[in-house]
Amino acid sequence: MGRKKIQISRILDQRNRQVTFTKRKFGLMKKAYELSVLCDCEIALIIFNSTNRLFQYASTDMDKVLLKYTEYSEPHESQYVNSR
């Protein structure tokens, strides 16, 4: 039996929102780590929470990955979802 489908919308309760953020942040960073190990790729993950606190993960040196990104001029795949 699969998991129950959840509706993706802003969590109104501040405490529940913070707990969900913490759990999902950990899960996202774990997935980023796994992808970098399994596929031998460089990953930089930057997260700002609602109070502008910074969280980051990088499979190698963050500055080197960001420099590589800013200097990259080839067409690339990107995804942006405006949810606000």
N, C-alpha and C. Protein backbone atom coordinates (compact mmCIF):
# COMPACT_ATOMS: atom_id res chain seq x y z
N MET A 1 0.84 -1.17 0.00
CA MET A 1 0.00 0.00 0.00
C MET A 1 0.89 1.24 0.00
N GLY A 2 0.60 2.19 -0.88
CA GLY A 2 1.41 3.40 -1.00
C GLY A 2 1.06 4.46 0.02
N ARG A 3 1.84 5.50 0.00
CA ARG A 3 1.60 6.62 0.91
C ARG A 3 0.40 7.44 0.44
N LYS A 4 -0.19 8.14 1.40
CA LYS A 4 -1.31 9.01 1.09
C LYS A 4 -0.80 10.25 0.35
N LYS A 5 -1.50 10.66 -0.67
CA LYS A 5 -1.11 11.83 -1.44
C LYS A 5 -1.38 13.09 -0.62
N ILE A 6 -0.41 13.99 -0.58
CA ILE A 6 -0.62 15.24 0.15
C ILE A 6 -0.81 16.38 -0.83
N GLN A 7 -1.57 17.36 -0.40
CA GLN A 7 -1.79 18.53 -1.24
C GLN A 7 -0.62 19.49 -1.01
N ILE A 8 -0.04 19.97 -2.09
CA ILE A 8 1.08 20.89 -1.98
C ILE A 8 0.54 22.31 -1.88
N SER A 9 0.57 22.83 -0.68
CA SER A 9 0.18 24.22 -0.42
C SER A 9 0.91 24.66 0.85
N ARG A 10 0.95 25.95 1.06
CA ARG A 10 1.65 26.50 2.22
C ARG A 10 1.04 25.97 3.51
N ILE A 11 1.90 25.55 4.43
CA ILE A 11 1.45 25.07 5.73
C ILE A 11 1.20 26.28 6.62
N LEU A 12 0.00 26.40 7.11
CA LEU A 12 -0.38 27.60 7.87
C LEU A 12 0.19 27.62 9.28
N ASP A 13 0.23 26.48 9.94
CA ASP A 13 0.74 26.41 11.31
C ASP A 13 2.27 26.55 11.31
N GLN A 14 2.78 27.56 12.01
CA GLN A 14 4.22 27.86 12.01
C GLN A 14 5.05 26.68 12.50
N ARG A 15 4.63 26.03 13.56
CA ARG A 15 5.40 24.89 14.11
C ARG A 15 5.44 23.73 13.12
N ASN A 16 4.30 23.39 12.55
CA ASN A 16 4.26 22.30 11.56
C ASN A 16 5.10 22.65 10.33
N ARG A 17 5.06 23.92 9.92
CA ARG A 17 5.84 24.36 8.77
C ARG A 17 7.33 24.20 9.05
N GLN A 18 7.78 24.57 10.27
CA GLN A 18 9.19 24.45 10.64
C GLN A 18 9.63 22.99 10.71
N VAL A 19 8.80 22.14 11.28
CA VAL A 19 9.11 20.71 11.37
C VAL A 19 9.22 20.12 9.97
N THR A 20 8.26 20.45 9.11
CA THR A 20 8.27 19.95 7.73
C THR A 20 9.50 20.45 6.99
N PHE A 21 9.85 21.73 7.17
CA PHE A 21 11.03 22.29 6.52
C PHE A 21 12.29 21.52 6.93
N THR A 22 12.43 21.29 8.23
CA THR A 22 13.62 20.60 8.73
C THR A 22 13.73 19.19 8.17
N LYS A 23 12.63 18.46 8.18
CA LYS A 23 12.64 17.08 7.66
C LYS A 23 12.92 17.05 6.16
N ARG A 24 12.26 17.92 5.41
CA ARG A 24 12.44 17.91 3.96
C ARG A 24 13.80 18.43 3.54
N LYS A 25 14.34 19.39 4.30
CA LYS A 25 15.69 19.89 4.03
C LYS A 25 16.70 18.75 4.18
N PHE A 26 16.57 18.00 5.26
CA PHE A 26 17.45 16.86 5.48
C PHE A 26 17.33 15.85 4.35
N GLY A 27 16.09 15.54 3.94
CA GLY A 27 15.86 14.59 2.86
C GLY A 27 16.43 15.06 1.54
N LEU A 28 16.28 16.36 1.27
CA LEU A 28 16.81 16.93 0.03
C LEU A 28 18.33 16.87 0.00
N MET A 29 18.96 17.19 1.12
CA MET A 29 20.42 17.13 1.19
C MET A 29 20.92 15.69 1.07
N LYS A 30 20.19 14.75 1.65
CA LYS A 30 20.56 13.34 1.52
C LYS A 30 20.47 12.90 0.07
N LYS A 31 19.39 13.29 -0.63
CA LYS A 31 19.24 12.94 -2.05
C LYS A 31 20.35 13.57 -2.88
N ALA A 32 20.73 14.81 -2.57
CA ALA A 32 21.81 15.47 -3.30
C ALA A 32 23.12 14.72 -3.11
N TYR A 33 23.39 14.29 -1.88
CA TYR A 33 24.59 13.51 -1.59
C TYR A 33 24.59 12.20 -2.37
N GLU A 34 23.46 11.49 -2.32
CA GLU A 34 23.35 10.21 -3.01
C GLU A 34 23.56 10.38 -4.52
N LEU A 35 22.97 11.41 -5.10
CA LEU A 35 23.13 11.66 -6.54
C LEU A 35 24.59 11.94 -6.87
N SER A 36 25.26 12.72 -6.03
CA SER A 36 26.67 13.04 -6.30
C SER A 36 27.55 11.80 -6.23
N VAL A 37 27.26 10.89 -5.31
CA VAL A 37 28.06 9.67 -5.17
C VAL A 37 27.74 8.69 -6.28
N LEU A 38 26.46 8.42 -6.50
CA LEU A 38 26.06 7.42 -7.49
C LEU A 38 26.42 7.82 -8.91
N CYS A 39 26.31 9.09 -9.23
CA CYS A 39 26.50 9.54 -10.62
C CYS A 39 27.79 10.33 -10.81
N ASP A 40 28.62 10.41 -9.79
CA ASP A 40 29.90 11.11 -9.87
C ASP A 40 29.72 12.50 -10.47
N CYS A 41 28.86 13.30 -9.85
CA CYS A 41 28.60 14.64 -10.35
C CYS A 41 28.78 15.66 -9.22
N GLU A 42 28.98 16.91 -9.62
CA GLU A 42 29.14 17.99 -8.65
C GLU A 42 27.77 18.61 -8.38
N ILE A 43 27.47 18.83 -7.12
CA ILE A 43 26.18 19.38 -6.74
C ILE A 43 26.39 20.51 -5.75
N ALA A 44 25.65 21.60 -5.96
CA ALA A 44 25.59 22.69 -4.99
C ALA A 44 24.12 22.95 -4.72
N LEU A 45 23.76 22.92 -3.46
CA LEU A 45 22.37 23.13 -3.06
C LEU A 45 22.35 24.28 -2.07
N ILE A 46 21.55 25.31 -2.37
CA ILE A 46 21.47 26.50 -1.52
C ILE A 46 20.01 26.68 -1.11
N ILE A 47 19.78 26.82 0.19
CA ILE A 47 18.42 26.99 0.71
C ILE A 47 18.41 28.17 1.66
N PHE A 48 17.44 29.07 1.48
CA PHE A 48 17.17 30.12 2.45
C PHE A 48 15.80 29.85 3.03
N ASN A 49 15.70 29.82 4.36
CA ASN A 49 14.39 29.58 4.96
C ASN A 49 13.61 30.90 5.04
N SER A 50 12.45 30.87 5.67
CA SER A 50 11.58 32.05 5.70
C SER A 50 12.17 33.20 6.51
N THR A 51 13.16 32.92 7.36
CA THR A 51 13.82 33.99 8.11
C THR A 51 15.18 34.34 7.51
N ASN A 52 15.40 33.94 6.28
CA ASN A 52 16.64 34.19 5.53
C ASN A 52 17.88 33.53 6.12
N ARG A 53 17.69 32.45 6.84
CA ARG A 53 18.84 31.67 7.31
C ARG A 53 19.31 30.79 6.16
N LEU A 54 20.62 30.71 5.98
CA LEU A 54 21.22 29.98 4.87
C LEU A 54 21.57 28.56 5.28
N PHE A 55 21.22 27.62 4.41
CA PHE A 55 21.62 26.23 4.54
C PHE A 55 22.22 25.84 3.20
N GLN A 56 23.32 25.11 3.22
CA GLN A 56 23.94 24.74 1.94
C GLN A 56 24.56 23.36 2.02
N TYR A 57 24.63 22.73 0.84
CA TYR A 57 25.32 21.46 0.68
C TYR A 57 26.09 21.54 -0.62
N ALA A 58 27.31 21.07 -0.62
CA ALA A 58 28.08 20.97 -1.85
C ALA A 58 28.87 19.67 -1.82
N SER A 59 28.86 18.98 -2.94
CA SER A 59 29.59 17.71 -3.02
C SER A 59 31.09 17.94 -3.09
N THR A 60 31.49 19.11 -3.55
CA THR A 60 32.89 19.53 -3.54
C THR A 60 32.89 20.96 -2.98
N ASP A 61 33.94 21.71 -3.22
CA ASP A 61 34.02 23.07 -2.70
C ASP A 61 32.91 23.94 -3.31
N MET A 62 32.08 24.54 -2.45
CA MET A 62 30.95 25.34 -2.90
C MET A 62 31.39 26.48 -3.81
N ASP A 63 32.45 27.19 -3.45
CA ASP A 63 32.92 28.31 -4.25
C ASP A 63 33.32 27.88 -5.66
N LYS A 64 33.97 26.72 -5.76
CA LYS A 64 34.38 26.22 -7.08
C LYS A 64 33.18 25.86 -7.94
N VAL A 65 32.18 25.24 -7.33
CA VAL A 65 30.97 24.86 -8.08
C VAL A 65 30.23 26.11 -8.54
N LEU A 66 30.10 27.10 -7.67
CA LEU A 66 29.39 28.34 -8.04
C LEU A 66 30.16 29.12 -9.10
N LEU A 67 31.47 29.13 -9.02
CA LEU A 67 32.28 29.79 -10.04
C LEU A 67 32.09 29.09 -11.38
N LYS A 68 32.11 27.79 -11.37
CA LYS A 68 31.88 27.00 -12.58
C LYS A 68 30.50 27.33 -13.18
N TYR A 69 29.50 27.48 -12.31
CA TYR A 69 28.14 27.81 -12.75
C TYR A 69 28.09 29.20 -13.38
N THR A 70 28.70 30.18 -12.75
CA THR A 70 28.64 31.55 -13.27
C THR A 70 29.42 31.70 -14.58
N GLU A 71 30.43 30.88 -14.78
CA GLU A 71 31.22 30.95 -16.01
C GLU A 71 30.67 30.09 -17.13
N TYR A 72 29.65 29.31 -16.85
CA TYR A 72 29.08 28.38 -17.83
C TYR A 72 28.25 29.16 -18.84
N SER A 73 28.55 29.00 -20.13
CA SER A 73 27.85 29.78 -21.15
C SER A 73 27.03 28.93 -22.12
N GLU A 74 27.15 27.62 -22.04
CA GLU A 74 26.40 26.74 -22.93
C GLU A 74 24.92 26.73 -22.54
N PRO A 75 24.05 26.38 -23.49
CA PRO A 75 22.64 26.20 -23.12
C PRO A 75 22.53 25.10 -22.05
N HIS A 76 21.64 25.29 -21.12
CA HIS A 76 21.52 24.30 -20.05
C HIS A 76 20.07 24.15 -19.63
N GLU A 77 19.83 23.04 -18.96
CA GLU A 77 18.49 22.74 -18.48
C GLU A 77 18.26 23.46 -17.15
N SER A 78 17.12 24.11 -17.02
CA SER A 78 16.79 24.74 -15.75
C SER A 78 15.30 24.60 -15.50
N GLN A 79 14.95 24.66 -14.24
CA GLN A 79 13.54 24.52 -13.89
C GLN A 79 13.22 25.55 -12.82
N TYR A 80 12.17 26.33 -13.06
CA TYR A 80 11.74 27.34 -12.11
C TYR A 80 10.24 27.25 -11.99
N VAL A 81 9.77 27.15 -10.78
CA VAL A 81 8.34 27.10 -10.54
C VAL A 81 8.00 28.26 -9.62
N ASN A 82 7.21 29.19 -10.12
CA ASN A 82 6.80 30.34 -9.31
C ASN A 82 5.57 29.95 -8.53
N SER A 83 5.75 29.73 -7.22
CA SER A 83 4.64 29.25 -6.41
C SER A 83 4.06 30.33 -5.51
N ARG A 84 4.55 31.54 -5.61
CA ARG A 84 4.06 32.61 -4.73
C ARG A 84 3.32 33.66 -5.49
